[in-house]
């Protein structure tokens, strides 16, 4: 799901481990094309990655998925600029 969220929003997604009885590890960083940059698997630790922020613009130009948003149905919070 992390890869899909990155691709459909044209942004990097940094997903930490979700703790609980059905989750185990797999903290990850995914680029705007949905490519996995880091997958920690079941390891504990820290990873560092350099993010190319120009890639966000490139992806949003090639895959303008956000143009299909229906901001008119989000409510007054969007219209007031709180979620732009």
PDB file of N, CA and C in Angstrom:
ATOM      1  N   UNK A   1       0.809  -1.192   0.000  1.00  0.00           N
ATOM      2  CA  UNK A   1       0.000   0.000   0.000  1.00  0.00           C
ATOM      3  C   UNK A   1       0.852   1.256   0.000  1.00  0.00           C
ATOM      4  N   UNK A   2       2.020   1.177   0.590  1.00  0.00           N
ATOM      5  CA  UNK A   2       2.903   2.348   0.655  1.00  0.00           C
ATOM      6  C   UNK A   2       3.310   2.768  -0.751  1.00  0.00           C
ATOM      7  N   UNK A   3       3.633   1.822  -1.588  1.00  0.00           N
ATOM      8  CA  UNK A   3       4.032   2.136  -2.965  1.00  0.00           C
ATOM      9  C   UNK A   3       2.889   2.803  -3.724  1.00  0.00           C
ATOM     10  N   UNK A   4       1.675   2.312  -3.536  1.00  0.00           N
ATOM     11  CA  UNK A   4       0.516   2.893  -4.207  1.00  0.00           C
ATOM     12  C   UNK A   4       0.281   4.322  -3.745  1.00  0.00           C
ATOM     13  N   UNK A   5       0.399   4.590  -2.438  1.00  0.00           N
ATOM     14  CA  UNK A   5       0.182   5.948  -1.925  1.00  0.00           C
ATOM     15  C   UNK A   5       1.225   6.908  -2.492  1.00  0.00           C
ATOM     16  N   UNK A   6       2.472   6.475  -2.605  1.00  0.00           N
ATOM     17  CA  UNK A   6       3.525   7.329  -3.153  1.00  0.00           C
ATOM     18  C   UNK A   6       3.238   7.657  -4.612  1.00  0.00           C
ATOM     19  N   UNK A   7       2.880   6.659  -5.386  1.00  0.00           N
ATOM     20  CA  UNK A   7       2.626   6.848  -6.810  1.00  0.00           C
ATOM     21  C   UNK A   7       1.400   7.714  -7.052  1.00  0.00           C
ATOM     22  N   UNK A   8       0.309   7.445  -6.371  1.00  0.00           N
ATOM     23  CA  UNK A   8      -0.920   8.190  -6.642  1.00  0.00           C
ATOM     24  C   UNK A   8      -0.851   9.640  -6.172  1.00  0.00           C
ATOM     25  N   UNK A   9       0.035   9.940  -5.219  1.00  0.00           N
ATOM     26  CA  UNK A   9       0.192  11.305  -4.737  1.00  0.00           C
ATOM     27  C   UNK A   9       1.437  11.994  -5.286  1.00  0.00           C
ATOM     28  N   UNK A  10       2.267  11.243  -5.992  1.00  0.00           N
ATOM     29  CA  UNK A  10       3.470  11.815  -6.579  1.00  0.00           C
ATOM     30  C   UNK A  10       4.405  12.397  -5.537  1.00  0.00           C
ATOM     31  N   UNK A  11       4.608  11.647  -4.453  1.00  0.00           N
ATOM     32  CA  UNK A  11       5.472  12.147  -3.388  1.00  0.00           C
ATOM     33  C   UNK A  11       6.236  10.993  -2.742  1.00  0.00           C
ATOM     34  N   UNK A  12       7.246  11.355  -1.972  1.00  0.00           N
ATOM     35  CA  UNK A  12       7.941  10.355  -1.176  1.00  0.00           C
ATOM     36  C   UNK A  12       7.037   9.945  -0.029  1.00  0.00           C
ATOM     37  N   UNK A  13       7.091   8.686   0.352  1.00  0.00           N
ATOM     38  CA  UNK A  13       6.381   8.209   1.533  1.00  0.00           C
ATOM     39  C   UNK A  13       7.401   7.512   2.425  1.00  0.00           C
ATOM     40  N   UNK A  14       7.430   7.955   3.668  1.00  0.00           N
ATOM     41  CA  UNK A  14       8.302   7.345   4.669  1.00  0.00           C
ATOM     42  C   UNK A  14       7.385   6.652   5.663  1.00  0.00           C
ATOM     43  N   UNK A  15       7.473   5.335   5.704  1.00  0.00           N
ATOM     44  CA  UNK A  15       6.545   4.536   6.510  1.00  0.00           C
ATOM     45  C   UNK A  15       7.309   3.776   7.595  1.00  0.00           C
ATOM     46  N   UNK A  16       7.134   4.193   8.845  1.00  0.00           N
ATOM     47  CA  UNK A  16       7.773   3.453   9.935  1.00  0.00           C
ATOM     48  C   UNK A  16       7.026   2.156  10.221  1.00  0.00           C
ATOM     49  N   UNK A  17       7.670   1.275  10.949  1.00  0.00           N
ATOM     50  CA  UNK A  17       7.070   0.011  11.358  1.00  0.00           C
ATOM     51  C   UNK A  17       5.769   0.264  12.108  1.00  0.00           C
ATOM     52  N   UNK A  18       4.807  -0.594  11.864  1.00  0.00           N
ATOM     53  CA  UNK A  18       3.572  -0.565  12.635  1.00  0.00           C
ATOM     54  C   UNK A  18       3.641  -1.699  13.645  1.00  0.00           C
ATOM     55  N   UNK A  19       3.522  -1.353  14.902  1.00  0.00           N
ATOM     56  CA  UNK A  19       3.681  -2.330  15.962  1.00  0.00           C
ATOM     57  C   UNK A  19       2.327  -2.958  16.297  1.00  0.00           C
ATOM     58  N   UNK A  20       2.346  -4.220  16.600  1.00  0.00           N
ATOM     59  CA  UNK A  20       1.124  -4.916  16.987  1.00  0.00           C
ATOM     60  C   UNK A  20       1.235  -6.386  16.676  1.00  0.00           C
ATOM     61  N   UNK A  21       0.185  -7.097  16.915  1.00  0.00           N
ATOM     62  CA  UNK A  21       0.267  -8.542  16.761  1.00  0.00           C
ATOM     63  C   UNK A  21       0.274  -9.008  15.304  1.00  0.00           C
ATOM     64  N   UNK A  22      -0.132  -8.169  14.347  1.00  0.00           N
ATOM     65  CA  UNK A  22      -0.107  -8.613  12.946  1.00  0.00           C
ATOM     66  C   UNK A  22       0.966  -7.902  12.123  1.00  0.00           C
ATOM     67  N   UNK A  23       1.682  -6.963  12.728  1.00  0.00           N
ATOM     68  CA  UNK A  23       2.711  -6.224  12.005  1.00  0.00           C
ATOM     69  C   UNK A  23       4.084  -6.630  12.496  1.00  0.00           C
ATOM     70  N   UNK A  24       5.051  -6.617  11.563  1.00  0.00           N
ATOM     71  CA  UNK A  24       6.416  -6.899  11.970  1.00  0.00           C
ATOM     72  C   UNK A  24       7.367  -6.237  10.989  1.00  0.00           C
ATOM     73  N   UNK A  25       7.954  -5.152  11.436  1.00  0.00           N
ATOM     74  CA  UNK A  25       8.996  -4.507  10.659  1.00  0.00           C
ATOM     75  C   UNK A  25       8.549  -3.886   9.351  1.00  0.00           C
ATOM     76  N   UNK A  26       9.463  -3.921   8.403  1.00  0.00           N
ATOM     77  CA  UNK A  26       9.278  -3.407   7.062  1.00  0.00           C
ATOM     78  C   UNK A  26       9.060  -1.901   7.003  1.00  0.00           C
ATOM     79  N   UNK A  27       9.777  -1.167   7.874  1.00  0.00           N
ATOM     80  CA  UNK A  27       9.830   0.277   7.700  1.00  0.00           C
ATOM     81  C   UNK A  27      10.406   0.522   6.325  1.00  0.00           C
ATOM     82  N   UNK A  28       9.877   1.516   5.608  1.00  0.00           N
ATOM     83  CA  UNK A  28      10.376   1.731   4.251  1.00  0.00           C
ATOM     84  C   UNK A  28      10.266   3.169   3.806  1.00  0.00           C
ATOM     85  N   UNK A  29      11.021   3.472   2.781  1.00  0.00           N
ATOM     86  CA  UNK A  29      10.948   4.752   2.088  1.00  0.00           C
ATOM     87  C   UNK A  29      10.720   4.436   0.618  1.00  0.00           C
ATOM     88  N   UNK A  30       9.699   5.095   0.049  1.00  0.00           N
ATOM     89  CA  UNK A  30       9.320   4.856  -1.343  1.00  0.00           C
ATOM     90  C   UNK A  30       9.360   6.184  -2.087  1.00  0.00           C
ATOM     91  N   UNK A  31       9.878   6.181  -3.317  1.00  0.00           N
ATOM     92  CA  UNK A  31       9.954   7.424  -4.088  1.00  0.00           C
ATOM     93  C   UNK A  31       8.636   7.696  -4.817  1.00  0.00           C
ATOM     94  N   UNK A  32       8.498   8.875  -5.437  1.00  0.00           N
ATOM     95  CA  UNK A  32       7.235   9.236  -6.091  1.00  0.00           C
ATOM     96  C   UNK A  32       6.825   8.327  -7.255  1.00  0.00           C
ATOM     97  N   UNK A  33       7.752   7.556  -7.802  1.00  0.00           N
ATOM     98  CA  UNK A  33       7.408   6.582  -8.842  1.00  0.00           C
ATOM     99  C   UNK A  33       6.967   5.247  -8.253  1.00  0.00           C
ATOM    100  N   UNK A  34       6.968   5.126  -6.921  1.00  0.00           N
ATOM    101  CA  UNK A  34       6.582   3.875  -6.268  1.00  0.00           C
ATOM    102  C   UNK A  34       7.731   2.905  -6.109  1.00  0.00           C
ATOM    103  N   UNK A  35       8.952   3.364  -6.359  1.00  0.00           N
ATOM    104  CA  UNK A  35      10.121   2.494  -6.206  1.00  0.00           C
ATOM    105  C   UNK A  35      10.568   2.492  -4.750  1.00  0.00           C
ATOM    106  N   UNK A  36      10.842   1.314  -4.234  1.00  0.00           N
ATOM    107  CA  UNK A  36      11.292   1.172  -2.850  1.00  0.00           C
ATOM    108  C   UNK A  36      12.762   1.573  -2.773  1.00  0.00           C
ATOM    109  N   UNK A  37      13.053   2.587  -1.956  1.00  0.00           N
ATOM    110  CA  UNK A  37      14.431   3.015  -1.757  1.00  0.00           C
ATOM    111  C   UNK A  37      15.067   2.293  -0.575  1.00  0.00           C
ATOM    112  N   UNK A  38      14.288   2.112   0.467  1.00  0.00           N
ATOM    113  CA  UNK A  38      14.748   1.412   1.667  1.00  0.00           C
ATOM    114  C   UNK A  38      13.623   0.495   2.134  1.00  0.00           C
ATOM    115  N   UNK A  39      13.953  -0.749   2.439  1.00  0.00           N
ATOM    116  CA  UNK A  39      13.030  -1.659   3.113  1.00  0.00           C
ATOM    117  C   UNK A  39      13.831  -2.323   4.213  1.00  0.00           C
ATOM    118  N   UNK A  40      13.497  -2.005   5.432  1.00  0.00           N
ATOM    119  CA  UNK A  40      14.267  -2.500   6.571  1.00  0.00           C
ATOM    120  C   UNK A  40      14.008  -3.975   6.875  1.00  0.00           C
ATOM    121  N   UNK A  41      13.045  -4.567   6.183  1.00  0.00           N
ATOM    122  CA  UNK A  41      12.740  -5.962   6.489  1.00  0.00           C
ATOM    123  C   UNK A  41      12.355  -6.096   7.949  1.00  0.00           C
ATOM    124  N   UNK A  42      12.891  -7.095   8.612  1.00  0.00           N
ATOM    125  CA  UNK A  42      12.605  -7.288  10.029  1.00  0.00           C
ATOM    126  C   UNK A  42      13.737  -6.779  10.919  1.00  0.00           C
ATOM    127  N   UNK A  43      14.672  -6.019  10.310  1.00  0.00           N
ATOM    128  CA  UNK A  43      15.815  -5.482  11.057  1.00  0.00           C
ATOM    129  C   UNK A  43      15.411  -4.272  11.891  1.00  0.00           C
ATOM    130  N   UNK A  44      16.069  -4.118  13.022  1.00  0.00           N
ATOM    131  CA  UNK A  44      15.972  -2.890  13.796  1.00  0.00           C
ATOM    132  C   UNK A  44      17.133  -2.012  13.381  1.00  0.00           C
ATOM    133  N   UNK A  45      16.940  -0.711  13.409  1.00  0.00           N
ATOM    134  CA  UNK A  45      18.049   0.155  13.091  1.00  0.00           C
ATOM    135  C   UNK A  45      17.599   1.450  12.464  1.00  0.00           C
ATOM    136  N   UNK A  46      18.553   2.101  11.816  1.00  0.00           N
ATOM    137  CA  UNK A  46      18.334   3.404  11.222  1.00  0.00           C
ATOM    138  C   UNK A  46      18.951   3.405   9.838  1.00  0.00           C
ATOM    139  N   UNK A  47      18.243   3.915   8.869  1.00  0.00           N
ATOM    140  CA  UNK A  47      18.765   4.059   7.509  1.00  0.00           C
ATOM    141  C   UNK A  47      18.639   5.522   7.127  1.00  0.00           C
ATOM    142  N   UNK A  48      19.562   5.984   6.326  1.00  0.00           N
ATOM    143  CA  UNK A  48      19.544   7.365   5.841  1.00  0.00           C
ATOM    144  C   UNK A  48      19.571   7.330   4.326  1.00  0.00           C
ATOM    145  N   UNK A  49      18.721   8.150   3.704  1.00  0.00           N
ATOM    146  CA  UNK A  49      18.676   8.206   2.250  1.00  0.00           C
ATOM    147  C   UNK A  49      18.553   9.668   1.825  1.00  0.00           C
ATOM    148  N   UNK A  50      19.244  10.043   0.766  1.00  0.00           N
ATOM    149  CA  UNK A  50      19.107  11.380   0.194  1.00  0.00           C
ATOM    150  C   UNK A  50      17.908  11.378  -0.742  1.00  0.00           C
ATOM    151  N   UNK A  51      17.004  12.343  -0.552  1.00  0.00           N
ATOM    152  CA  UNK A  51      15.813  12.445  -1.390  1.00  0.00           C
ATOM    153  C   UNK A  51      16.018  13.533  -2.430  1.00  0.00           C
ATOM    154  N   UNK A  52      15.735  13.212  -3.674  1.00  0.00           N
ATOM    155  CA  UNK A  52      15.811  14.179  -4.766  1.00  0.00           C
ATOM    156  C   UNK A  52      14.434  14.821  -4.915  1.00  0.00           C
ATOM    157  N   UNK A  53      14.266  16.008  -4.337  1.00  0.00           N
ATOM    158  CA  UNK A  53      12.953  16.646  -4.324  1.00  0.00           C
ATOM    159  C   UNK A  53      12.495  17.087  -5.708  1.00  0.00           C
ATOM    160  N   UNK A  54      13.415  17.224  -6.665  1.00  0.00           N
ATOM    161  CA  UNK A  54      13.007  17.568  -8.031  1.00  0.00           C
ATOM    162  C   UNK A  54      12.231  16.425  -8.678  1.00  0.00           C
ATOM    163  N   UNK A  55      12.393  15.228  -8.157  1.00  0.00           N
ATOM    164  CA  UNK A  55      11.669  14.068  -8.683  1.00  0.00           C
ATOM    165  C   UNK A  55      10.157  14.210  -8.470  1.00  0.00           C
ATOM    166  N   UNK A  56       9.758  14.899  -7.417  1.00  0.00           N
ATOM    167  CA  UNK A  56       8.331  15.109  -7.149  1.00  0.00           C
ATOM    168  C   UNK A  56       7.689  15.859  -8.314  1.00  0.00           C
ATOM    169  N   UNK A  57       8.299  16.952  -8.742  1.00  0.00           N
ATOM    170  CA  UNK A  57       7.771  17.716  -9.867  1.00  0.00           C
ATOM    171  C   UNK A  57       7.755  16.926 -11.156  1.00  0.00           C
ATOM    172  N   UNK A  58       8.817  16.159 -11.378  1.00  0.00           N
ATOM    173  CA  UNK A  58       8.914  15.340 -12.587  1.00  0.00           C
ATOM    174  C   UNK A  58       7.782  14.312 -12.645  1.00  0.00           C
ATOM    175  N   UNK A  59       7.550  13.636 -11.540  1.00  0.00           N
ATOM    176  CA  UNK A  59       6.508  12.614 -11.496  1.00  0.00           C
ATOM    177  C   UNK A  59       5.134  13.243 -11.671  1.00  0.00           C
ATOM    178  N   UNK A  60       4.897  14.361 -10.998  1.00  0.00           N
ATOM    179  CA  UNK A  60       3.581  15.003 -11.087  1.00  0.00           C
ATOM    180  C   UNK A  60       3.315  15.553 -12.479  1.00  0.00           C
ATOM    181  N   UNK A  61       4.381  15.852 -13.225  1.00  0.00           N
ATOM    182  CA  UNK A  61       4.204  16.291 -14.618  1.00  0.00           C
ATOM    183  C   UNK A  61       3.900  15.100 -15.518  1.00  0.00           C
ATOM    184  N   UNK A  62       4.614  13.999 -15.334  1.00  0.00           N
ATOM    185  CA  UNK A  62       4.422  12.807 -16.163  1.00  0.00           C
ATOM    186  C   UNK A  62       3.137  12.053 -15.824  1.00  0.00           C
ATOM    187  N   UNK A  63       2.778  12.043 -14.556  1.00  0.00           N
ATOM    188  CA  UNK A  63       1.587  11.337 -14.084  1.00  0.00           C
ATOM    189  C   UNK A  63       0.728  12.319 -13.286  1.00  0.00           C
ATOM    190  N   UNK A  64      -0.034  13.148 -13.960  1.00  0.00           N
ATOM    191  CA  UNK A  64      -0.798  14.199 -13.250  1.00  0.00           C
ATOM    192  C   UNK A  64      -2.050  13.668 -12.541  1.00  0.00           C
ATOM    193  N   UNK A  65      -1.858  12.683 -11.689  1.00  0.00           N
ATOM    194  CA  UNK A  65      -2.983  12.039 -11.010  1.00  0.00           C
ATOM    195  C   UNK A  65      -3.707  12.983 -10.059  1.00  0.00           C
ATOM    196  N   UNK A  66      -2.993  13.950  -9.486  1.00  0.00           N
ATOM    197  CA  UNK A  66      -3.633  14.860  -8.546  1.00  0.00           C
ATOM    198  C   UNK A  66      -4.606  15.823  -9.238  1.00  0.00           C
ATOM    199  N   UNK A  67      -4.524  15.932 -10.550  1.00  0.00           N
ATOM    200  CA  UNK A  67      -5.459  16.790 -11.270  1.00  0.00           C
ATOM    201  C   UNK A  67      -6.875  16.226 -11.236  1.00  0.00           C
ATOM    202  N   UNK A  68      -7.007  14.957 -10.890  1.00  0.00           N
ATOM    203  CA  UNK A  68      -8.322  14.324 -10.806  1.00  0.00           C
ATOM    204  C   UNK A  68      -8.982  14.520  -9.443  1.00  0.00           C
ATOM    205  N   UNK A  69      -8.304  15.247  -8.545  1.00  0.00           N
ATOM    206  CA  UNK A  69      -8.887  15.477  -7.221  1.00  0.00           C
ATOM    207  C   UNK A  69     -10.195  16.243  -7.333  1.00  0.00           C
ATOM    208  N   UNK A  70     -11.086  15.997  -6.423  1.00  0.00           N
ATOM    209  CA  UNK A  70     -12.361  16.714  -6.351  1.00  0.00           C
ATOM    210  C   UNK A  70     -12.335  17.602  -5.118  1.00  0.00           C
ATOM    211  N   UNK A  71     -11.506  18.622  -5.157  1.00  0.00           N
ATOM    212  CA  UNK A  71     -11.361  19.523  -4.017  1.00  0.00           C
ATOM    213  C   UNK A  71     -12.688  20.177  -3.651  1.00  0.00           C
ATOM    214  N   UNK A  72     -13.600  20.258  -4.601  1.00  0.00           N
ATOM    215  CA  UNK A  72     -14.898  20.881  -4.321  1.00  0.00           C
ATOM    216  C   UNK A  72     -15.720  20.088  -3.305  1.00  0.00           C
ATOM    217  N   UNK A  73     -15.377  18.829  -3.084  1.00  0.00           N
ATOM    218  CA  UNK A  73     -16.144  18.034  -2.127  1.00  0.00           C
ATOM    219  C   UNK A  73     -15.405  17.821  -0.806  1.00  0.00           C
ATOM    220  N   UNK A  74     -14.222  18.412  -0.638  1.00  0.00           N
ATOM    221  CA  UNK A  74     -13.442  18.232   0.584  1.00  0.00           C
ATOM    222  C   UNK A  74     -13.979  19.053   1.751  1.00  0.00           C
ATOM    223  N   UNK A  75     -14.707  20.095   1.477  1.00  0.00           N
ATOM    224  CA  UNK A  75     -15.246  20.914   2.549  1.00  0.00           C
ATOM    225  C   UNK A  75     -14.511  22.225   2.718  1.00  0.00           C
ATOM    226  N   UNK A  76     -14.928  22.971   3.695  1.00  0.00           N
ATOM    227  CA  UNK A  76     -14.411  24.325   3.909  1.00  0.00           C
ATOM    228  C   UNK A  76     -12.952  24.365   4.320  1.00  0.00           C
ATOM    229  N   UNK A  77     -12.423  23.300   4.922  1.00  0.00           N
ATOM    230  CA  UNK A  77     -11.011  23.293   5.338  1.00  0.00           C
ATOM    231  C   UNK A  77     -10.084  23.476   4.152  1.00  0.00           C
ATOM    232  N   UNK A  78     -10.404  22.831   3.030  1.00  0.00           N
ATOM    233  CA  UNK A  78      -9.582  22.964   1.824  1.00  0.00           C
ATOM    234  C   UNK A  78      -9.746  24.353   1.245  1.00  0.00           C
ATOM    235  N   UNK A  79     -10.963  24.819   1.195  1.00  0.00           N
ATOM    236  CA  UNK A  79     -11.223  26.146   0.635  1.00  0.00           C
ATOM    237  C   UNK A  79     -10.519  27.236   1.431  1.00  0.00           C
ATOM    238  N   UNK A  80     -10.345  27.011   2.733  1.00  0.00           N
ATOM    239  CA  UNK A  80      -9.658  27.976   3.569  1.00  0.00           C
ATOM    240  C   UNK A  80      -8.139  27.848   3.461  1.00  0.00           C
ATOM    241  N   UNK A  81      -7.659  26.883   2.670  1.00  0.00           N
ATOM    242  CA  UNK A  81      -6.231  26.708   2.457  1.00  0.00           C
ATOM    243  C   UNK A  81      -5.518  25.881   3.510  1.00  0.00           C
ATOM    244  N   UNK A  82      -6.257  25.221   4.376  1.00  0.00           N
ATOM    245  CA  UNK A  82      -5.634  24.446   5.446  1.00  0.00           C
ATOM    246  C   UNK A  82      -4.993  23.175   4.939  1.00  0.00           C
ATOM    247  N   UNK A  83      -5.437  22.628   3.816  1.00  0.00           N
ATOM    248  CA  UNK A  83      -4.913  21.362   3.318  1.00  0.00           C
ATOM    249  C   UNK A  83      -4.391  21.490   1.892  1.00  0.00           C
ATOM    250  N   UNK A  84      -4.002  22.647   1.473  1.00  0.00           N
ATOM    251  CA  UNK A  84      -3.553  22.830   0.088  1.00  0.00           C
ATOM    252  C   UNK A  84      -2.134  22.361  -0.107  1.00  0.00           C
TER     253      UNK A  84
END
